[in-house]
Amino acid sequence: MTDFNDRERAEEAKFARDEEMLFRINARRNRLLGAWAAERMNLDSAETEAYAKSVVQADFEEAGDEDVIRKLLGDLVSAGVDTDESEIRSAMEAKAVEARRQLMGEA
């Protein structure tokens, strides 16, 4: 019975580590995405840092990526940047890969 309990605890620990890593990847992706959008809006370095943090915060509004996409699209359009949802989704995918590589490099 202890073998089963040990295996169950190991699976739970692995799940927790995987979920934490996914959270960290998404947070890093959102920060990178915020920096990408800030560059397109010609923000200075202090504004870029603040904007990147606001993109990370936007991800907590609802489950999934739609809240982040909505924020970026609204902010970019308001700033007069010619963009659309598909461009933002493409950037999001690219930044997710970059974020994963950065975090795996740190480990």
N, C-alpha and C. Protein backbone atom coordinates (compact mmCIF):
# COMPACT_ATOMS: atom_id res chain seq x y z
N MET A 1 0.82 -1.19 0.00
CA MET A 1 0.00 0.00 0.00
C MET A 1 0.87 1.26 0.00
N THR A 2 2.02 1.21 0.68
CA THR A 2 2.87 2.39 0.69
C THR A 2 3.44 2.69 -0.69
N ASP A 3 3.68 1.66 -1.50
CA ASP A 3 4.15 1.90 -2.86
C ASP A 3 3.14 2.72 -3.65
N PHE A 4 1.88 2.38 -3.50
CA PHE A 4 0.82 3.13 -4.18
C PHE A 4 0.76 4.56 -3.66
N ASN A 5 0.85 4.72 -2.35
CA ASN A 5 0.81 6.07 -1.76
C ASN A 5 2.02 6.90 -2.19
N ASP A 6 3.19 6.25 -2.24
CA ASP A 6 4.40 6.94 -2.68
C ASP A 6 4.26 7.38 -4.14
N ARG A 7 3.72 6.50 -4.96
CA ARG A 7 3.54 6.83 -6.37
C ARG A 7 2.53 7.97 -6.52
N GLU A 8 1.47 7.92 -5.73
CA GLU A 8 0.45 8.96 -5.79
C GLU A 8 1.05 10.32 -5.37
N ARG A 9 1.84 10.33 -4.32
CA ARG A 9 2.49 11.57 -3.88
C ARG A 9 3.46 12.09 -4.95
N ALA A 10 4.18 11.18 -5.58
CA ALA A 10 5.13 11.58 -6.62
C ALA A 10 4.38 12.20 -7.81
N GLU A 11 3.25 11.60 -8.18
CA GLU A 11 2.44 12.15 -9.28
C GLU A 11 1.89 13.52 -8.92
N GLU A 12 1.44 13.67 -7.69
CA GLU A 12 0.91 14.96 -7.25
C GLU A 12 2.01 16.02 -7.25
N ALA A 13 3.21 15.64 -6.82
CA ALA A 13 4.33 16.58 -6.81
C ALA A 13 4.72 16.97 -8.24
N LYS A 14 4.72 16.01 -9.14
CA LYS A 14 5.03 16.29 -10.55
C LYS A 14 3.99 17.22 -11.15
N PHE A 15 2.73 16.97 -10.87
CA PHE A 15 1.65 17.83 -11.37
C PHE A 15 1.83 19.26 -10.86
N ALA A 16 2.15 19.40 -9.58
CA ALA A 16 2.35 20.72 -8.99
C ALA A 16 3.53 21.44 -9.64
N ARG A 17 4.63 20.72 -9.88
CA ARG A 17 5.79 21.32 -10.55
C ARG A 17 5.44 21.75 -11.97
N ASP A 18 4.72 20.89 -12.68
CA ASP A 18 4.33 21.20 -14.06
C ASP A 18 3.42 22.42 -14.12
N GLU A 19 2.48 22.51 -13.18
CA GLU A 19 1.57 23.66 -13.14
C GLU A 19 2.32 24.94 -12.79
N GLU A 20 3.26 24.85 -11.87
CA GLU A 20 4.06 26.02 -11.52
C GLU A 20 4.89 26.49 -12.71
N MET A 21 5.49 25.54 -13.44
CA MET A 21 6.29 25.89 -14.61
C MET A 21 5.41 26.53 -15.68
N LEU A 22 4.22 26.00 -15.90
CA LEU A 22 3.30 26.58 -16.88
C LEU A 22 2.92 28.01 -16.49
N PHE A 23 2.68 28.23 -15.20
CA PHE A 23 2.37 29.57 -14.71
C PHE A 23 3.53 30.51 -14.98
N ARG A 24 4.74 30.07 -14.68
CA ARG A 24 5.93 30.91 -14.88
C ARG A 24 6.16 31.21 -16.35
N ILE A 25 5.94 30.21 -17.21
CA ILE A 25 6.09 30.42 -18.65
C ILE A 25 5.08 31.44 -19.15
N ASN A 26 3.83 31.31 -18.71
CA ASN A 26 2.81 32.26 -19.15
C ASN A 26 3.08 33.67 -18.64
N ALA A 27 3.54 33.79 -17.41
CA ALA A 27 3.87 35.11 -16.88
C ALA A 27 5.03 35.72 -17.65
N ARG A 28 6.06 34.93 -17.94
CA ARG A 28 7.20 35.43 -18.71
C ARG A 28 6.76 35.79 -20.13
N ARG A 29 5.93 34.94 -20.72
CA ARG A 29 5.42 35.21 -22.06
C ARG A 29 4.67 36.54 -22.09
N ASN A 30 3.83 36.77 -21.09
CA ASN A 30 3.06 38.01 -21.05
C ASN A 30 3.95 39.22 -20.86
N ARG A 31 4.99 39.08 -20.07
CA ARG A 31 5.94 40.19 -19.88
C ARG A 31 6.64 40.50 -21.21
N LEU A 32 7.09 39.45 -21.90
CA LEU A 32 7.74 39.64 -23.20
C LEU A 32 6.76 40.24 -24.22
N LEU A 33 5.54 39.79 -24.17
CA LEU A 33 4.51 40.31 -25.07
C LEU A 33 4.22 41.78 -24.77
N GLY A 34 4.21 42.13 -23.51
CA GLY A 34 4.02 43.52 -23.13
C GLY A 34 5.16 44.39 -23.64
N ALA A 35 6.39 43.88 -23.56
CA ALA A 35 7.55 44.63 -24.06
C ALA A 35 7.46 44.78 -25.58
N TRP A 36 7.01 43.73 -26.26
CA TRP A 36 6.83 43.78 -27.71
C TRP A 36 5.81 44.86 -28.09
N ALA A 37 4.68 44.87 -27.39
CA ALA A 37 3.64 45.86 -27.68
C ALA A 37 4.12 47.26 -27.34
N ALA A 38 4.83 47.40 -26.24
CA ALA A 38 5.34 48.72 -25.83
C ALA A 38 6.29 49.27 -26.88
N GLU A 39 7.10 48.41 -27.44
CA GLU A 39 8.02 48.84 -28.50
C GLU A 39 7.22 49.34 -29.70
N ARG A 40 6.16 48.65 -30.04
CA ARG A 40 5.32 49.07 -31.17
C ARG A 40 4.63 50.39 -30.89
N MET A 41 4.38 50.68 -29.61
CA MET A 41 3.72 51.93 -29.23
C MET A 41 4.74 53.04 -28.92
N ASN A 42 6.02 52.74 -29.12
CA ASN A 42 7.11 53.70 -28.90
C ASN A 42 7.16 54.23 -27.46
N LEU A 43 6.98 53.34 -26.49
CA LEU A 43 7.08 53.74 -25.09
C LEU A 43 8.55 53.76 -24.67
N ASP A 44 8.87 54.60 -23.69
CA ASP A 44 10.25 54.62 -23.20
C ASP A 44 10.47 53.44 -22.24
N SER A 45 11.68 53.28 -21.72
CA SER A 45 12.00 52.09 -20.93
C SER A 45 11.18 51.98 -19.65
N ALA A 46 10.95 53.09 -18.95
CA ALA A 46 10.14 53.04 -17.72
C ALA A 46 8.70 52.69 -18.05
N GLU A 47 8.17 53.29 -19.10
CA GLU A 47 6.79 52.99 -19.52
C GLU A 47 6.67 51.54 -20.00
N THR A 48 7.71 51.06 -20.66
CA THR A 48 7.71 49.67 -21.14
C THR A 48 7.64 48.70 -19.98
N GLU A 49 8.44 48.94 -18.95
CA GLU A 49 8.43 48.07 -17.77
C GLU A 49 7.05 48.07 -17.11
N ALA A 50 6.48 49.24 -16.93
CA ALA A 50 5.16 49.35 -16.31
C ALA A 50 4.09 48.69 -17.18
N TYR A 51 4.20 48.88 -18.48
CA TYR A 51 3.21 48.28 -19.39
C TYR A 51 3.31 46.76 -19.38
N ALA A 52 4.55 46.24 -19.40
CA ALA A 52 4.74 44.78 -19.37
C ALA A 52 4.11 44.19 -18.11
N LYS A 53 4.28 44.87 -16.98
CA LYS A 53 3.66 44.40 -15.73
C LYS A 53 2.14 44.43 -15.83
N SER A 54 1.60 45.44 -16.50
CA SER A 54 0.14 45.53 -16.62
C SER A 54 -0.41 44.41 -17.50
N VAL A 55 0.38 43.97 -18.47
CA VAL A 55 -0.05 42.84 -19.31
C VAL A 55 -0.07 41.56 -18.48
N VAL A 56 0.94 41.38 -17.64
CA VAL A 56 0.96 40.21 -16.75
C VAL A 56 -0.27 40.23 -15.83
N GLN A 57 -0.59 41.40 -15.28
CA GLN A 57 -1.76 41.54 -14.40
C GLN A 57 -3.06 41.26 -15.15
N ALA A 58 -3.12 41.64 -16.42
CA ALA A 58 -4.35 41.45 -17.19
C ALA A 58 -4.70 39.97 -17.33
N ASP A 59 -3.69 39.11 -17.26
CA ASP A 59 -3.95 37.68 -17.42
C ASP A 59 -4.74 37.09 -16.26
N PHE A 60 -4.85 37.82 -15.16
CA PHE A 60 -5.56 37.31 -14.00
C PHE A 60 -7.05 37.65 -14.03
N GLU A 61 -7.51 38.37 -15.06
CA GLU A 61 -8.91 38.77 -15.13
C GLU A 61 -9.84 37.59 -15.40
N GLU A 62 -9.42 36.69 -16.26
CA GLU A 62 -10.23 35.51 -16.58
C GLU A 62 -9.32 34.39 -17.05
N ALA A 63 -9.84 33.18 -17.07
CA ALA A 63 -9.04 32.04 -17.51
C ALA A 63 -8.78 32.15 -19.02
N GLY A 64 -7.63 31.67 -19.43
CA GLY A 64 -7.29 31.70 -20.85
C GLY A 64 -6.56 32.96 -21.25
N ASP A 65 -6.32 33.10 -22.53
CA ASP A 65 -5.52 34.19 -23.06
C ASP A 65 -6.34 35.36 -23.59
N GLU A 66 -7.65 35.20 -23.65
CA GLU A 66 -8.49 36.22 -24.28
C GLU A 66 -8.38 37.58 -23.59
N ASP A 67 -8.21 37.60 -22.27
CA ASP A 67 -8.09 38.87 -21.56
C ASP A 67 -6.82 39.62 -21.96
N VAL A 68 -5.74 38.89 -22.17
CA VAL A 68 -4.48 39.50 -22.58
C VAL A 68 -4.60 40.02 -24.02
N ILE A 69 -5.17 39.20 -24.89
CA ILE A 69 -5.33 39.61 -26.29
C ILE A 69 -6.21 40.84 -26.38
N ARG A 70 -7.29 40.86 -25.63
CA ARG A 70 -8.20 42.01 -25.63
C ARG A 70 -7.48 43.28 -25.17
N LYS A 71 -6.68 43.16 -24.11
CA LYS A 71 -5.94 44.32 -23.60
C LYS A 71 -4.95 44.82 -24.65
N LEU A 72 -4.15 43.92 -25.20
CA LEU A 72 -3.14 44.32 -26.17
C LEU A 72 -3.78 44.94 -27.40
N LEU A 73 -4.81 44.31 -27.91
CA LEU A 73 -5.47 44.83 -29.11
C LEU A 73 -6.04 46.22 -28.84
N GLY A 74 -6.71 46.39 -27.73
CA GLY A 74 -7.27 47.69 -27.39
C GLY A 74 -6.21 48.75 -27.22
N ASP A 75 -5.12 48.42 -26.52
CA ASP A 75 -4.06 49.39 -26.28
C ASP A 75 -3.32 49.75 -27.56
N LEU A 76 -3.03 48.75 -28.39
CA LEU A 76 -2.32 49.01 -29.64
C LEU A 76 -3.16 49.86 -30.58
N VAL A 77 -4.43 49.53 -30.72
CA VAL A 77 -5.32 50.30 -31.59
C VAL A 77 -5.48 51.72 -31.06
N SER A 78 -5.62 51.87 -29.75
CA SER A 78 -5.74 53.21 -29.14
C SER A 78 -4.49 54.05 -29.39
N ALA A 79 -3.34 53.39 -29.47
CA ALA A 79 -2.08 54.10 -29.70
C ALA A 79 -1.84 54.36 -31.19
N GLY A 80 -2.78 53.94 -32.02
CA GLY A 80 -2.66 54.19 -33.46
C GLY A 80 -1.79 53.19 -34.20
N VAL A 81 -1.54 52.05 -33.58
CA VAL A 81 -0.73 51.00 -34.22
C VAL A 81 -1.65 50.15 -35.08
N ASP A 82 -1.24 49.95 -36.33
CA ASP A 82 -2.02 49.13 -37.25
C ASP A 82 -1.74 47.65 -36.95
N THR A 83 -2.69 46.98 -36.34
CA THR A 83 -2.51 45.58 -35.95
C THR A 83 -3.86 44.88 -35.95
N ASP A 84 -3.83 43.58 -35.80
CA ASP A 84 -5.07 42.81 -35.66
C ASP A 84 -4.84 41.64 -34.72
N GLU A 85 -5.90 40.93 -34.42
CA GLU A 85 -5.83 39.84 -33.45
C GLU A 85 -4.88 38.74 -33.88
N SER A 86 -4.85 38.43 -35.17
CA SER A 86 -3.98 37.35 -35.63
C SER A 86 -2.50 37.69 -35.43
N GLU A 87 -2.13 38.97 -35.61
CA GLU A 87 -0.75 39.37 -35.37
C GLU A 87 -0.40 39.22 -33.88
N ILE A 88 -1.33 39.57 -33.02
CA ILE A 88 -1.10 39.45 -31.58
C ILE A 88 -0.98 37.97 -31.19
N ARG A 89 -1.84 37.13 -31.74
CA ARG A 89 -1.76 35.70 -31.44
C ARG A 89 -0.43 35.11 -31.93
N SER A 90 0.04 35.54 -33.10
CA SER A 90 1.33 35.06 -33.61
C SER A 90 2.47 35.49 -32.69
N ALA A 91 2.42 36.75 -32.25
CA ALA A 91 3.44 37.25 -31.32
C ALA A 91 3.37 36.47 -30.01
N MET A 92 2.16 36.15 -29.57
CA MET A 92 1.98 35.41 -28.32
C MET A 92 2.62 34.03 -28.42
N GLU A 93 2.44 33.36 -29.55
CA GLU A 93 3.04 32.05 -29.75
C GLU A 93 4.57 32.14 -29.75
N ALA A 94 5.09 33.14 -30.44
CA ALA A 94 6.54 33.32 -30.50
C ALA A 94 7.12 33.63 -29.12
N LYS A 95 6.43 34.47 -28.37
CA LYS A 95 6.91 34.84 -27.04
C LYS A 95 6.79 33.67 -26.07
N ALA A 96 5.83 32.78 -26.28
CA ALA A 96 5.71 31.59 -25.44
C ALA A 96 6.92 30.68 -25.63
N VAL A 97 7.35 30.52 -26.87
CA VAL A 97 8.54 29.72 -27.16
C VAL A 97 9.77 30.36 -26.52
N GLU A 98 9.88 31.68 -26.68
CA GLU A 98 11.02 32.41 -26.10
C GLU A 98 11.02 32.29 -24.58
N ALA A 99 9.85 32.43 -23.97
CA ALA A 99 9.75 32.33 -22.51
C ALA A 99 10.15 30.94 -22.02
N ARG A 100 9.70 29.91 -22.72
CA ARG A 100 10.04 28.53 -22.33
C ARG A 100 11.56 28.34 -22.43
N ARG A 101 12.16 28.83 -23.50
CA ARG A 101 13.61 28.70 -23.68
C ARG A 101 14.37 29.43 -22.56
N GLN A 102 13.91 30.64 -22.24
CA GLN A 102 14.56 31.39 -21.18
C GLN A 102 14.49 30.66 -19.85
N LEU A 103 13.31 30.14 -19.51
CA LEU A 103 13.15 29.46 -18.22
C LEU A 103 13.89 28.14 -18.19
N MET A 104 13.95 27.43 -19.30
CA MET A 104 14.70 26.18 -19.32
C MET A 104 16.19 26.46 -19.22
N GLY A 105 16.62 27.59 -19.75
CA GLY A 105 18.03 27.99 -19.66
C GLY A 105 18.42 28.35 -18.24
N GLU A 106 17.47 28.85 -17.46
CA GLU A 106 17.74 29.22 -16.08
C GLU A 106 17.81 28.00 -15.17
N ALA A 107 17.12 26.94 -15.55
CA ALA A 107 17.03 25.76 -14.69
C ALA A 107 18.31 24.96 -14.66
